[in-house]
Amino acid sequence: MKLSKKIANFTQTHTIRATAQSIKIIDLVPSKFVNCSELFLSHNSIKTLGKIDQFHLVSRLMLEFNDICYIEDLVPLGRLPNLTELRLDGNPVCNLIFWDLHTIDMC
């Protein structure tokens, strides 16, 4: 399931809450959503963050318990200049040595 499909009928655009919605892909979303400041995507099946940078104003990003496995998949986080809170617990990438240091360095 794509993120855009799950949020298409949402009326709230400041905060997107799509927790436990079987989302696998963060694709391009309708433009009314790209200015959100809080994005809750925990408990899905997301593996990569390739299109996360469309949310250029996001400050809180919750991605706990997804399927992010590789540090390289976190690189797009470095293109989120307003990011102040990031949650990744429960992703396989968190089992890698120094994953947290690499993530801080990227951001």
N, C-alpha and C. Protein backbone atom coordinates (compact mmCIF):
# COMPACT_ATOMS: atom_id res chain seq x y z
N MET A 1 0.84 -1.18 0.00
CA MET A 1 0.00 0.00 0.00
C MET A 1 0.89 1.25 0.00
N LYS A 2 0.49 2.24 -0.77
CA LYS A 2 1.22 3.49 -0.86
C LYS A 2 0.65 4.51 0.12
N LEU A 3 1.53 5.36 0.63
CA LEU A 3 1.12 6.41 1.57
C LEU A 3 0.06 7.31 0.95
N SER A 4 0.25 7.72 -0.28
CA SER A 4 -0.71 8.64 -0.93
C SER A 4 -2.12 8.07 -0.95
N LYS A 5 -2.24 6.79 -1.13
CA LYS A 5 -3.56 6.15 -1.16
C LYS A 5 -4.22 6.16 0.22
N LYS A 6 -3.41 5.96 1.26
CA LYS A 6 -3.95 5.92 2.63
C LYS A 6 -4.39 7.29 3.14
N ILE A 7 -3.74 8.35 2.69
CA ILE A 7 -4.06 9.67 3.22
C ILE A 7 -4.92 10.52 2.29
N ALA A 8 -5.27 10.00 1.15
CA ALA A 8 -5.99 10.78 0.13
C ALA A 8 -7.23 11.48 0.67
N ASN A 9 -7.95 10.87 1.59
CA ASN A 9 -9.19 11.45 2.11
C ASN A 9 -9.02 12.17 3.45
N PHE A 10 -7.79 12.29 3.91
CA PHE A 10 -7.54 13.00 5.17
C PHE A 10 -7.87 14.48 5.00
N THR A 11 -8.42 15.08 6.03
CA THR A 11 -8.68 16.52 5.99
C THR A 11 -7.59 17.28 6.75
N GLN A 12 -6.99 16.65 7.74
CA GLN A 12 -5.91 17.26 8.52
C GLN A 12 -4.64 17.24 7.68
N THR A 13 -4.03 18.39 7.48
CA THR A 13 -2.80 18.44 6.68
C THR A 13 -1.58 18.86 7.50
N HIS A 14 -1.77 19.40 8.70
CA HIS A 14 -0.65 19.81 9.55
C HIS A 14 0.05 18.60 10.17
N THR A 15 -0.74 17.61 10.53
CA THR A 15 -0.25 16.37 11.11
C THR A 15 -0.83 15.20 10.32
N ILE A 16 0.04 14.30 9.89
CA ILE A 16 -0.43 13.10 9.18
C ILE A 16 -0.23 11.92 10.11
N ARG A 17 -1.32 11.27 10.45
CA ARG A 17 -1.28 10.08 11.30
C ARG A 17 -1.70 8.88 10.46
N ALA A 18 -0.71 8.08 10.10
CA ALA A 18 -0.96 6.88 9.30
C ALA A 18 -0.23 5.70 9.93
N THR A 19 -0.46 5.52 11.21
CA THR A 19 0.15 4.44 11.97
C THR A 19 -0.62 3.15 11.75
N ALA A 20 0.11 2.05 11.59
CA ALA A 20 -0.47 0.71 11.42
C ALA A 20 -1.50 0.68 10.29
N GLN A 21 -1.08 1.17 9.12
CA GLN A 21 -1.97 1.22 7.96
C GLN A 21 -1.47 0.34 6.80
N SER A 22 -0.55 -0.57 7.07
CA SER A 22 0.01 -1.47 6.05
C SER A 22 0.71 -0.73 4.92
N ILE A 23 1.29 0.43 5.22
CA ILE A 23 1.99 1.22 4.20
C ILE A 23 3.36 0.60 3.95
N LYS A 24 3.68 0.41 2.68
CA LYS A 24 4.96 -0.14 2.29
C LYS A 24 5.84 0.89 1.58
N ILE A 25 5.20 1.87 0.94
CA ILE A 25 5.93 2.82 0.11
C ILE A 25 5.55 4.26 0.44
N ILE A 26 6.56 5.10 0.63
CA ILE A 26 6.33 6.53 0.74
C ILE A 26 6.49 7.09 -0.67
N ASP A 27 5.37 7.31 -1.32
CA ASP A 27 5.38 7.84 -2.68
C ASP A 27 5.05 9.33 -2.64
N LEU A 28 4.94 9.96 -3.79
CA LEU A 28 4.56 11.37 -3.84
C LEU A 28 3.11 11.51 -3.40
N VAL A 29 2.87 12.46 -2.52
CA VAL A 29 1.53 12.68 -1.97
C VAL A 29 0.93 13.95 -2.58
N PRO A 30 -0.39 14.13 -2.48
CA PRO A 30 -0.99 15.37 -2.96
C PRO A 30 -0.34 16.58 -2.27
N SER A 31 -0.22 17.67 -3.01
CA SER A 31 0.52 18.84 -2.54
C SER A 31 -0.01 19.43 -1.24
N LYS A 32 -1.28 19.23 -0.93
CA LYS A 32 -1.82 19.80 0.31
C LYS A 32 -1.18 19.19 1.56
N PHE A 33 -0.51 18.05 1.41
CA PHE A 33 0.09 17.37 2.56
C PHE A 33 1.58 17.68 2.76
N VAL A 34 2.25 18.23 1.78
CA VAL A 34 3.72 18.35 1.87
C VAL A 34 4.20 19.35 2.90
N ASN A 35 3.34 20.22 3.38
CA ASN A 35 3.75 21.20 4.40
C ASN A 35 3.46 20.73 5.82
N CYS A 36 3.18 19.46 6.00
CA CYS A 36 2.91 18.98 7.36
C CYS A 36 4.17 19.06 8.21
N SER A 37 3.97 19.23 9.49
CA SER A 37 5.12 19.33 10.40
C SER A 37 5.29 18.07 11.25
N GLU A 38 4.26 17.23 11.30
CA GLU A 38 4.34 15.99 12.06
C GLU A 38 3.86 14.84 11.19
N LEU A 39 4.67 13.79 11.16
CA LEU A 39 4.37 12.64 10.31
C LEU A 39 4.53 11.37 11.14
N PHE A 40 3.42 10.68 11.36
CA PHE A 40 3.40 9.47 12.17
C PHE A 40 3.19 8.27 11.25
N LEU A 41 4.25 7.49 11.03
CA LEU A 41 4.20 6.35 10.12
C LEU A 41 4.67 5.06 10.80
N SER A 42 4.54 4.98 12.09
CA SER A 42 5.00 3.80 12.83
C SER A 42 4.11 2.59 12.56
N HIS A 43 4.69 1.42 12.80
CA HIS A 43 3.99 0.14 12.68
C HIS A 43 3.42 -0.08 11.28
N ASN A 44 4.26 0.15 10.27
CA ASN A 44 3.93 -0.14 8.89
C ASN A 44 4.98 -1.11 8.35
N SER A 45 5.17 -1.15 7.05
CA SER A 45 6.15 -2.03 6.43
C SER A 45 7.08 -1.25 5.51
N ILE A 46 7.43 -0.05 5.89
CA ILE A 46 8.25 0.84 5.08
C ILE A 46 9.71 0.38 5.11
N LYS A 47 10.32 0.26 3.91
CA LYS A 47 11.71 -0.17 3.81
C LYS A 47 12.65 0.95 3.42
N THR A 48 12.17 1.90 2.64
CA THR A 48 13.03 2.98 2.18
C THR A 48 12.34 4.33 2.39
N LEU A 49 13.15 5.38 2.41
CA LEU A 49 12.63 6.72 2.67
C LEU A 49 12.86 7.65 1.49
N GLY A 50 12.93 7.10 0.29
CA GLY A 50 13.27 7.85 -0.90
C GLY A 50 12.49 9.13 -1.14
N LYS A 51 11.21 9.16 -0.84
CA LYS A 51 10.38 10.33 -1.12
C LYS A 51 10.04 11.13 0.15
N ILE A 52 10.71 10.83 1.24
CA ILE A 52 10.41 11.52 2.50
C ILE A 52 10.75 13.00 2.43
N ASP A 53 11.68 13.37 1.57
CA ASP A 53 12.11 14.78 1.50
C ASP A 53 11.05 15.71 0.92
N GLN A 54 9.95 15.18 0.39
CA GLN A 54 8.86 16.06 -0.04
C GLN A 54 8.22 16.77 1.15
N PHE A 55 8.38 16.20 2.34
CA PHE A 55 7.85 16.80 3.57
C PHE A 55 8.92 17.73 4.15
N HIS A 56 9.25 18.77 3.43
CA HIS A 56 10.39 19.63 3.75
C HIS A 56 10.23 20.42 5.05
N LEU A 57 9.02 20.51 5.60
CA LEU A 57 8.80 21.23 6.85
C LEU A 57 8.64 20.31 8.06
N VAL A 58 8.73 19.03 7.86
CA VAL A 58 8.48 18.10 8.96
C VAL A 58 9.52 18.28 10.06
N SER A 59 9.03 18.36 11.30
CA SER A 59 9.93 18.46 12.44
C SER A 59 9.87 17.20 13.30
N ARG A 60 8.73 16.53 13.33
CA ARG A 60 8.58 15.27 14.07
C ARG A 60 8.28 14.15 13.09
N LEU A 61 9.12 13.11 13.10
CA LEU A 61 8.96 11.99 12.19
C LEU A 61 9.03 10.70 12.99
N MET A 62 7.93 9.99 13.04
CA MET A 62 7.84 8.76 13.80
C MET A 62 7.80 7.57 12.84
N LEU A 63 8.85 6.77 12.87
CA LEU A 63 8.98 5.64 11.96
C LEU A 63 9.24 4.32 12.72
N GLU A 64 8.83 4.24 13.96
CA GLU A 64 9.10 3.04 14.74
C GLU A 64 8.43 1.82 14.11
N PHE A 65 9.11 0.68 14.27
CA PHE A 65 8.57 -0.62 13.88
C PHE A 65 8.13 -0.68 12.42
N ASN A 66 9.09 -0.35 11.55
CA ASN A 66 8.95 -0.55 10.12
C ASN A 66 9.99 -1.56 9.69
N ASP A 67 10.35 -1.60 8.43
CA ASP A 67 11.31 -2.58 7.91
C ASP A 67 12.56 -1.93 7.33
N ILE A 68 13.00 -0.84 7.91
CA ILE A 68 14.19 -0.16 7.43
C ILE A 68 15.41 -0.94 7.90
N CYS A 69 16.20 -1.45 6.94
CA CYS A 69 17.29 -2.37 7.27
C CYS A 69 18.69 -1.78 7.14
N TYR A 70 18.87 -0.82 6.25
CA TYR A 70 20.21 -0.36 5.91
C TYR A 70 20.40 1.12 6.23
N ILE A 71 21.60 1.46 6.65
CA ILE A 71 21.92 2.84 6.96
C ILE A 71 21.73 3.72 5.72
N GLU A 72 22.04 3.19 4.54
CA GLU A 72 21.87 3.94 3.29
C GLU A 72 20.42 4.38 3.09
N ASP A 73 19.48 3.60 3.63
CA ASP A 73 18.06 3.95 3.50
C ASP A 73 17.69 5.17 4.32
N LEU A 74 18.57 5.58 5.23
CA LEU A 74 18.31 6.74 6.07
C LEU A 74 18.85 8.04 5.48
N VAL A 75 19.61 7.96 4.40
CA VAL A 75 20.23 9.14 3.79
C VAL A 75 19.22 10.26 3.49
N PRO A 76 18.01 9.96 2.98
CA PRO A 76 17.05 11.04 2.70
C PRO A 76 16.69 11.89 3.92
N LEU A 77 16.92 11.39 5.12
CA LEU A 77 16.63 12.18 6.32
C LEU A 77 17.49 13.45 6.36
N GLY A 78 18.65 13.40 5.73
CA GLY A 78 19.53 14.55 5.69
C GLY A 78 18.98 15.70 4.87
N ARG A 79 17.91 15.46 4.13
CA ARG A 79 17.27 16.50 3.33
C ARG A 79 16.03 17.07 4.01
N LEU A 80 15.93 16.87 5.32
CA LEU A 80 14.81 17.40 6.10
C LEU A 80 15.38 18.44 7.08
N PRO A 81 15.50 19.69 6.66
CA PRO A 81 16.20 20.70 7.46
C PRO A 81 15.53 21.05 8.79
N ASN A 82 14.23 20.78 8.94
CA ASN A 82 13.53 21.14 10.17
C ASN A 82 13.36 19.98 11.14
N LEU A 83 13.91 18.83 10.80
CA LEU A 83 13.73 17.63 11.62
C LEU A 83 14.40 17.80 12.98
N THR A 84 13.59 17.73 14.04
CA THR A 84 14.12 17.85 15.40
C THR A 84 13.86 16.60 16.23
N GLU A 85 12.87 15.80 15.83
CA GLU A 85 12.56 14.57 16.56
C GLU A 85 12.37 13.44 15.57
N LEU A 86 13.13 12.37 15.76
CA LEU A 86 13.09 11.20 14.89
C LEU A 86 13.02 9.96 15.75
N ARG A 87 12.09 9.09 15.45
CA ARG A 87 11.97 7.82 16.18
C ARG A 87 12.10 6.68 15.19
N LEU A 88 13.06 5.79 15.44
CA LEU A 88 13.32 4.65 14.56
C LEU A 88 13.32 3.30 15.29
N ASP A 89 13.06 3.30 16.58
CA ASP A 89 13.11 2.05 17.35
C ASP A 89 12.29 0.96 16.67
N GLY A 90 12.79 -0.27 16.76
CA GLY A 90 12.06 -1.40 16.22
C GLY A 90 12.33 -1.69 14.76
N ASN A 91 13.16 -0.90 14.11
CA ASN A 91 13.57 -1.17 12.73
C ASN A 91 14.84 -2.01 12.76
N PRO A 92 15.02 -2.92 11.80
CA PRO A 92 16.25 -3.73 11.77
C PRO A 92 17.52 -2.90 11.72
N VAL A 93 17.49 -1.71 11.14
CA VAL A 93 18.68 -0.87 11.07
C VAL A 93 19.21 -0.54 12.47
N CYS A 94 18.34 -0.54 13.44
CA CYS A 94 18.75 -0.21 14.81
C CYS A 94 19.60 -1.30 15.45
N ASN A 95 19.70 -2.45 14.80
CA ASN A 95 20.54 -3.53 15.30
C ASN A 95 21.98 -3.42 14.78
N LEU A 96 22.21 -2.50 13.85
CA LEU A 96 23.55 -2.33 13.29
C LEU A 96 24.41 -1.50 14.24
N ILE A 97 25.68 -1.81 14.26
CA ILE A 97 26.59 -1.08 15.13
C ILE A 97 26.73 0.36 14.64
N PHE A 98 26.69 1.28 15.56
CA PHE A 98 26.83 2.71 15.31
C PHE A 98 25.77 3.30 14.39
N TRP A 99 24.62 2.64 14.26
CA TRP A 99 23.56 3.17 13.39
C TRP A 99 23.14 4.57 13.83
N ASP A 100 23.10 4.76 15.15
CA ASP A 100 22.65 6.05 15.68
C ASP A 100 23.64 7.17 15.35
N LEU A 101 24.92 6.89 15.42
CA LEU A 101 25.94 7.89 15.09
C LEU A 101 25.89 8.25 13.61
N HIS A 102 25.69 7.24 12.76
CA HIS A 102 25.58 7.49 11.32
C HIS A 102 24.33 8.35 11.03
N THR A 103 23.26 8.06 11.72
CA THR A 103 22.02 8.80 11.49
C THR A 103 22.17 10.25 11.92
N ILE A 104 22.77 10.47 13.06
CA ILE A 104 23.02 11.85 13.53
C ILE A 104 23.90 12.59 12.55
N ASP A 105 24.92 11.92 12.04
CA ASP A 105 25.83 12.54 11.08
C ASP A 105 25.09 12.92 9.79
N MET A 106 24.19 12.09 9.34
CA MET A 106 23.43 12.37 8.11
C MET A 106 22.48 13.55 8.30
N CYS A 107 21.92 13.64 9.49
CA CYS A 107 20.92 14.70 9.73
C CYS A 107 21.59 16.00 10.11
